[in-house]
All heavy atoms as atom14 arrays in JSON, in Angstrom:
{
  "sequence": "RRRWATQTTTPLWWETTIRRHRPRMEREVER",
  "atom14_mask": [
    [1, 1, 1, 1, 1, 1, 1, 1, 1, 1, 1, 0, 0, 0],
    [1, 1, 1, 1, 1, 1, 1, 1, 1, 1, 1, 0, 0, 0],
    [1, 1, 1, 1, 1, 1, 1, 1, 1, 1, 1, 0, 0, 0],
    [1, 1, 1, 1, 1, 1, 1, 1, 1, 1, 1, 1, 1, 1],
    [1, 1, 1, 1, 1, 0, 0, 0, 0, 0, 0, 0, 0, 0],
    [1, 1, 1, 1, 1, 1, 1, 0, 0, 0, 0, 0, 0, 0],
    [1, 1, 1, 1, 1, 1, 1, 1, 1, 0, 0, 0, 0, 0],
    [1, 1, 1, 1, 1, 1, 1, 0, 0, 0, 0, 0, 0, 0],
    [1, 1, 1, 1, 1, 1, 1, 0, 0, 0, 0, 0, 0, 0],
    [1, 1, 1, 1, 1, 1, 1, 0, 0, 0, 0, 0, 0, 0],
    [1, 1, 1, 1, 1, 1, 1, 0, 0, 0, 0, 0, 0, 0],
    [1, 1, 1, 1, 1, 1, 1, 1, 0, 0, 0, 0, 0, 0],
    [1, 1, 1, 1, 1, 1, 1, 1, 1, 1, 1, 1, 1, 1],
    [1, 1, 1, 1, 1, 1, 1, 1, 1, 1, 1, 1, 1, 1],
    [1, 1, 1, 1, 1, 1, 1, 1, 1, 0, 0, 0, 0, 0],
    [1, 1, 1, 1, 1, 1, 1, 0, 0, 0, 0, 0, 0, 0],
    [1, 1, 1, 1, 1, 1, 1, 0, 0, 0, 0, 0, 0, 0],
    [1, 1, 1, 1, 1, 1, 1, 1, 0, 0, 0, 0, 0, 0],
    [1, 1, 1, 1, 1, 1, 1, 1, 1, 1, 1, 0, 0, 0],
    [1, 1, 1, 1, 1, 1, 1, 1, 1, 1, 1, 0, 0, 0],
    [1, 1, 1, 1, 1, 1, 1, 1, 1, 1, 0, 0, 0, 0],
    [1, 1, 1, 1, 1, 1, 1, 1, 1, 1, 1, 0, 0, 0],
    [1, 1, 1, 1, 1, 1, 1, 0, 0, 0, 0, 0, 0, 0],
    [1, 1, 1, 1, 1, 1, 1, 1, 1, 1, 1, 0, 0, 0],
    [1, 1, 1, 1, 1, 1, 1, 1, 0, 0, 0, 0, 0, 0],
    [1, 1, 1, 1, 1, 1, 1, 1, 1, 0, 0, 0, 0, 0],
    [1, 1, 1, 1, 1, 1, 1, 1, 1, 1, 1, 0, 0, 0],
    [1, 1, 1, 1, 1, 1, 1, 1, 1, 0, 0, 0, 0, 0],
    [1, 1, 1, 1, 1, 1, 1, 0, 0, 0, 0, 0, 0, 0],
    [1, 1, 1, 1, 1, 1, 1, 1, 1, 0, 0, 0, 0, 0],
    [1, 1, 1, 1, 1, 1, 1, 1, 1, 1, 1, 0, 0, 0]
  ],
  "atom14_positions": [
    [[31.68, 80.62, 32.7], [32.17, 81.08, 34.01], [32.95, 82.39, 33.96], [33.31, 82.92, 35.0], [33.0, 79.98, 34.65], [32.18, 78.74, 34.91], [32.65, 78.04, 36.14], [31.71, 76.98, 36.5], [30.84, 77.1, 37.48], [30.76, 78.17, 38.19], [30.05, 76.09, 37.76], [0.0, 0.0, 0.0], [0.0, 0.0, 0.0], [0.0, 0.0, 0.0]],
    [[33.16, 82.92, 32.78], [33.81, 84.23, 32.68], [32.78, 85.35, 32.63], [33.13, 86.52, 32.69], [34.7, 84.28, 31.41], [35.98, 83.44, 31.63], [36.86, 83.51, 30.42], [36.38, 82.49, 29.48], [36.53, 82.52, 28.19], [37.14, 83.53, 27.62], [36.08, 81.57, 27.42], [0.0, 0.0, 0.0], [0.0, 0.0, 0.0], [0.0, 0.0, 0.0]],
    [[31.52, 84.98, 32.49], [30.45, 86.0, 32.39], [29.34, 85.65, 33.39], [28.76, 84.58, 33.3], [29.91, 85.99, 30.96], [28.92, 87.02, 30.74], [29.1, 87.61, 29.41], [28.24, 88.75, 29.37], [28.07, 89.48, 28.35], [28.75, 89.26, 27.28], [27.26, 90.49, 28.38], [0.0, 0.0, 0.0], [0.0, 0.0, 0.0], [0.0, 0.0, 0.0]],
    [[29.1, 86.54, 34.32], [28.14, 86.3, 35.38], [26.98, 87.28, 35.32], [27.14, 88.43, 34.88], [28.82, 86.37, 36.74], [29.72, 85.19, 36.96], [30.93, 84.97, 36.37], [29.47, 84.08, 37.8], [31.43, 83.76, 36.8], [30.58, 83.19, 37.68], [28.43, 83.74, 38.66], [30.63, 82.01, 38.38], [28.52, 82.54, 39.35], [29.6, 81.69, 39.21]],
    [[25.85, 86.83, 35.82], [24.66, 87.7, 35.9], [24.1, 87.61, 37.31], [24.28, 86.64, 38.01], [23.61, 87.21, 34.91], [0.0, 0.0, 0.0], [0.0, 0.0, 0.0], [0.0, 0.0, 0.0], [0.0, 0.0, 0.0], [0.0, 0.0, 0.0], [0.0, 0.0, 0.0], [0.0, 0.0, 0.0], [0.0, 0.0, 0.0], [0.0, 0.0, 0.0]],
    [[23.41, 88.66, 37.71], [22.72, 88.67, 39.0], [21.26, 88.9, 38.74], [20.88, 89.83, 38.03], [23.26, 89.79, 39.92], [24.67, 89.59, 40.12], [22.56, 89.82, 41.25], [0.0, 0.0, 0.0], [0.0, 0.0, 0.0], [0.0, 0.0, 0.0], [0.0, 0.0, 0.0], [0.0, 0.0, 0.0], [0.0, 0.0, 0.0], [0.0, 0.0, 0.0]],
    [[20.43, 88.03, 39.29], [18.99, 88.16, 39.15], [18.39, 88.34, 40.53], [18.9, 87.81, 41.52], [18.4, 86.9, 38.51], [18.74, 86.76, 37.04], [18.11, 85.53, 36.46], [18.69, 84.44, 36.58], [16.96, 85.67, 35.87], [0.0, 0.0, 0.0], [0.0, 0.0, 0.0], [0.0, 0.0, 0.0], [0.0, 0.0, 0.0], [0.0, 0.0, 0.0]],
    [[17.3, 89.09, 40.58], [16.62, 89.26, 41.87], [15.39, 88.38, 41.91], [14.78, 88.06, 40.89], [16.2, 90.73, 42.08], [15.38, 91.13, 41.0], [17.41, 91.64, 42.14], [0.0, 0.0, 0.0], [0.0, 0.0, 0.0], [0.0, 0.0, 0.0], [0.0, 0.0, 0.0], [0.0, 0.0, 0.0], [0.0, 0.0, 0.0], [0.0, 0.0, 0.0]],
    [[15.08, 87.96, 43.13], [13.85, 87.17, 43.36], [13.12, 87.79, 44.53], [13.65, 88.66, 45.22], [14.19, 85.71, 43.72], [14.91, 85.69, 44.96], [15.04, 85.02, 42.66], [0.0, 0.0, 0.0], [0.0, 0.0, 0.0], [0.0, 0.0, 0.0], [0.0, 0.0, 0.0], [0.0, 0.0, 0.0], [0.0, 0.0, 0.0], [0.0, 0.0, 0.0]],
    [[11.92, 87.35, 44.74], [11.19, 87.8, 45.91], [11.78, 87.1, 47.13], [11.82, 85.87, 47.15], [9.7, 87.42, 45.78], [9.21, 88.0, 44.56], [8.88, 87.91, 46.96], [0.0, 0.0, 0.0], [0.0, 0.0, 0.0], [0.0, 0.0, 0.0], [0.0, 0.0, 0.0], [0.0, 0.0, 0.0], [0.0, 0.0, 0.0], [0.0, 0.0, 0.0]],
    [[12.27, 87.85, 48.11], [12.83, 87.2, 49.29], [11.86, 86.2, 49.91], [10.64, 86.44, 49.96], [13.11, 88.35, 50.25], [13.3, 89.54, 49.33], [12.33, 89.3, 48.21], [0.0, 0.0, 0.0], [0.0, 0.0, 0.0], [0.0, 0.0, 0.0], [0.0, 0.0, 0.0], [0.0, 0.0, 0.0], [0.0, 0.0, 0.0], [0.0, 0.0, 0.0]],
    [[12.36, 85.07, 50.33], [11.62, 83.98, 50.94], [10.62, 83.32, 49.98], [9.76, 82.57, 50.4], [10.91, 84.42, 52.22], [11.83, 84.88, 53.34], [11.03, 85.41, 54.51], [12.77, 83.77, 53.79], [0.0, 0.0, 0.0], [0.0, 0.0, 0.0], [0.0, 0.0, 0.0], [0.0, 0.0, 0.0], [0.0, 0.0, 0.0], [0.0, 0.0, 0.0]],
    [[10.78, 83.55, 48.67], [9.86, 82.96, 47.71], [9.83, 81.46, 47.81], [8.77, 80.82, 47.85], [10.24, 83.38, 46.28], [9.42, 82.68, 45.27], [8.18, 83.07, 44.84], [9.71, 81.49, 44.58], [7.7, 82.16, 43.92], [8.63, 81.18, 43.74], [10.81, 80.62, 44.58], [8.6, 80.06, 42.92], [10.79, 79.51, 43.76], [9.7, 79.23, 42.96]],
    [[11.0, 80.82, 47.84], [11.07, 79.36, 47.85], [10.38, 78.8, 49.1], [9.55, 77.93, 49.0], [12.55, 78.92, 47.82], [12.7, 77.44, 47.83], [12.97, 76.65, 48.91], [12.56, 76.54, 46.72], [13.01, 75.35, 48.55], [12.76, 75.25, 47.2], [12.28, 76.74, 45.37], [12.71, 74.14, 46.38], [12.24, 75.63, 44.55], [12.45, 74.36, 45.06]],
    [[10.73, 79.31, 50.25], [10.19, 78.8, 51.5], [8.66, 78.98, 51.55], [7.94, 78.09, 51.95], [10.86, 79.53, 52.66], [10.58, 78.89, 54.0], [11.43, 79.53, 55.08], [12.6, 79.89, 54.84], [10.9, 79.69, 56.18], [0.0, 0.0, 0.0], [0.0, 0.0, 0.0], [0.0, 0.0, 0.0], [0.0, 0.0, 0.0], [0.0, 0.0, 0.0]],
    [[8.2, 80.15, 51.16], [6.76, 80.42, 51.16], [6.02, 79.47, 50.22], [4.97, 78.92, 50.56], [6.51, 81.87, 50.75], [7.23, 82.73, 51.63], [5.04, 82.22, 50.81], [0.0, 0.0, 0.0], [0.0, 0.0, 0.0], [0.0, 0.0, 0.0], [0.0, 0.0, 0.0], [0.0, 0.0, 0.0], [0.0, 0.0, 0.0], [0.0, 0.0, 0.0]],
    [[6.58, 79.26, 49.05], [5.94, 78.38, 48.06], [5.9, 76.96, 48.54], [4.86, 76.28, 48.43], [6.72, 78.46, 46.72], [6.71, 79.83, 46.28], [6.06, 77.59, 45.67], [0.0, 0.0, 0.0], [0.0, 0.0, 0.0], [0.0, 0.0, 0.0], [0.0, 0.0, 0.0], [0.0, 0.0, 0.0], [0.0, 0.0, 0.0], [0.0, 0.0, 0.0]],
    [[6.98, 76.46, 49.12], [7.03, 75.09, 49.62], [6.01, 74.92, 50.75], [5.27, 73.93, 50.79], [8.44, 74.72, 50.1], [9.39, 74.66, 48.92], [8.45, 73.4, 50.86], [9.04, 73.65, 47.86], [0.0, 0.0, 0.0], [0.0, 0.0, 0.0], [0.0, 0.0, 0.0], [0.0, 0.0, 0.0], [0.0, 0.0, 0.0], [0.0, 0.0, 0.0]],
    [[5.97, 75.85, 51.68], [5.01, 75.73, 52.78], [3.56, 75.69, 52.27], [2.75, 74.94, 52.76], [5.17, 76.91, 53.72], [6.33, 76.74, 54.66], [6.34, 77.84, 55.68], [7.52, 77.68, 56.52], [8.1, 78.65, 57.15], [7.6, 79.87, 57.11], [9.17, 78.43, 57.88], [0.0, 0.0, 0.0], [0.0, 0.0, 0.0], [0.0, 0.0, 0.0]],
    [[3.27, 76.51, 51.27], [1.92, 76.57, 50.73], [1.52, 75.27, 50.08], [0.37, 74.83, 50.16], [1.82, 77.73, 49.74], [0.4, 77.94, 49.23], [0.3, 79.1, 48.23], [1.16, 80.2, 48.57], [1.93, 80.85, 47.69], [1.92, 80.51, 46.41], [2.67, 81.84, 48.07], [0.0, 0.0, 0.0], [0.0, 0.0, 0.0], [0.0, 0.0, 0.0]],
    [[2.45, 74.61, 49.39], [2.13, 73.42, 48.61], [2.53, 72.1, 49.28], [2.34, 71.02, 48.71], [2.79, 73.51, 47.24], [2.27, 74.67, 46.43], [1.03, 74.66, 45.85], [2.83, 75.87, 46.16], [0.82, 75.82, 45.24], [1.9, 76.57, 45.41], [0.0, 0.0, 0.0], [0.0, 0.0, 0.0], [0.0, 0.0, 0.0], [0.0, 0.0, 0.0]],
    [[3.09, 72.17, 50.47], [3.59, 70.97, 51.14], [2.53, 69.87, 51.3], [2.83, 68.7, 51.02], [4.19, 71.34, 52.5], [4.8, 70.17, 53.17], [5.48, 70.57, 54.44], [5.99, 69.38, 55.11], [6.77, 69.42, 56.14], [7.14, 70.57, 56.65], [7.19, 68.32, 56.68], [0.0, 0.0, 0.0], [0.0, 0.0, 0.0], [0.0, 0.0, 0.0]],
    [[1.33, 70.17, 51.77], [0.36, 69.09, 51.92], [0.1, 68.33, 50.62], [0.03, 67.09, 50.6], [-0.92, 69.81, 52.4], [-0.42, 71.03, 53.05], [0.8, 71.44, 52.27], [0.0, 0.0, 0.0], [0.0, 0.0, 0.0], [0.0, 0.0, 0.0], [0.0, 0.0, 0.0], [0.0, 0.0, 0.0], [0.0, 0.0, 0.0], [0.0, 0.0, 0.0]],
    [[-0.03, 69.05, 49.54], [-0.27, 68.4, 48.24], [0.96, 67.58, 47.82], [0.81, 66.47, 47.3], [-0.61, 69.41, 47.15], [-0.91, 68.79, 45.8], [-1.36, 69.81, 44.79], [-0.44, 70.9, 44.61], [0.49, 70.95, 43.64], [0.59, 70.0, 42.78], [1.28, 72.01, 43.56], [0.0, 0.0, 0.0], [0.0, 0.0, 0.0], [0.0, 0.0, 0.0]],
    [[2.16, 68.11, 48.02], [3.36, 67.38, 47.66], [3.48, 66.11, 48.47], [3.83, 65.05, 47.94], [4.61, 68.24, 47.87], [4.68, 69.4, 46.88], [6.22, 70.35, 46.92], [6.35, 70.84, 48.61], [0.0, 0.0, 0.0], [0.0, 0.0, 0.0], [0.0, 0.0, 0.0], [0.0, 0.0, 0.0], [0.0, 0.0, 0.0], [0.0, 0.0, 0.0]],
    [[3.18, 66.16, 49.76], [3.24, 64.97, 50.61], [2.24, 63.92, 50.15], [2.52, 62.72, 50.13], [3.01, 65.34, 52.07], [4.2, 66.08, 52.67], [3.97, 66.55, 54.07], [2.78, 66.59, 54.53], [4.96, 66.87, 54.75], [0.0, 0.0, 0.0], [0.0, 0.0, 0.0], [0.0, 0.0, 0.0], [0.0, 0.0, 0.0], [0.0, 0.0, 0.0]],
    [[1.02, 64.36, 49.77], [0.03, 63.4, 49.27], [0.51, 62.72, 48.0], [0.33, 61.52, 47.82], [-1.3, 64.11, 49.0], [-2.09, 64.45, 50.26], [-3.51, 64.9, 49.94], [-3.6, 65.95, 48.96], [-3.58, 67.26, 49.25], [-3.45, 67.66, 50.5], [-3.67, 68.16, 48.3], [0.0, 0.0, 0.0], [0.0, 0.0, 0.0], [0.0, 0.0, 0.0]],
    [[1.11, 63.5, 47.12], [1.62, 62.93, 45.85], [2.74, 61.93, 46.09], [2.8, 60.9, 45.44], [2.08, 64.03, 44.9], [0.93, 64.78, 44.26], [0.09, 63.86, 43.39], [0.62, 63.16, 42.51], [-1.14, 63.82, 43.61], [0.0, 0.0, 0.0], [0.0, 0.0, 0.0], [0.0, 0.0, 0.0], [0.0, 0.0, 0.0], [0.0, 0.0, 0.0]],
    [[3.65, 62.25, 47.0], [4.74, 61.33, 47.34], [4.16, 60.03, 47.89], [4.58, 58.93, 47.5], [5.75, 61.96, 48.3], [6.71, 60.91, 48.86], [6.52, 63.06, 47.61], [0.0, 0.0, 0.0], [0.0, 0.0, 0.0], [0.0, 0.0, 0.0], [0.0, 0.0, 0.0], [0.0, 0.0, 0.0], [0.0, 0.0, 0.0], [0.0, 0.0, 0.0]],
    [[3.18, 60.13, 48.78], [2.52, 58.94, 49.34], [1.86, 58.12, 48.24], [1.94, 56.88, 48.22], [1.48, 59.35, 50.38], [2.08, 59.65, 51.73], [2.75, 58.43, 52.35], [2.23, 57.31, 52.26], [3.85, 58.64, 52.92], [0.0, 0.0, 0.0], [0.0, 0.0, 0.0], [0.0, 0.0, 0.0], [0.0, 0.0, 0.0], [0.0, 0.0, 0.0]],
    [[1.22, 58.79, 47.29], [0.54, 58.08, 46.2], [1.54, 57.31, 45.36], [1.36, 56.14, 45.03], [-0.21, 59.06, 45.31], [-1.03, 58.41, 44.21], [-1.6, 59.43, 43.25], [-0.6, 60.21, 42.56], [0.12, 59.77, 41.53], [-0.01, 58.55, 41.09], [1.01, 60.57, 40.96], [0.0, 0.0, 0.0], [0.0, 0.0, 0.0], [0.0, 0.0, 0.0]]
  ]
}
C-alpha cells in the first residue's frame, strides 16, 4: 500500500465484454 501503479484499460471494456457474452453465461448458469 506504499507503492501504487496506474494501468490503463479500454474504456467500457468490461461492459462491452459482458454484453457480448451474456447469453452464453446465462445458459451456463442455467445448466
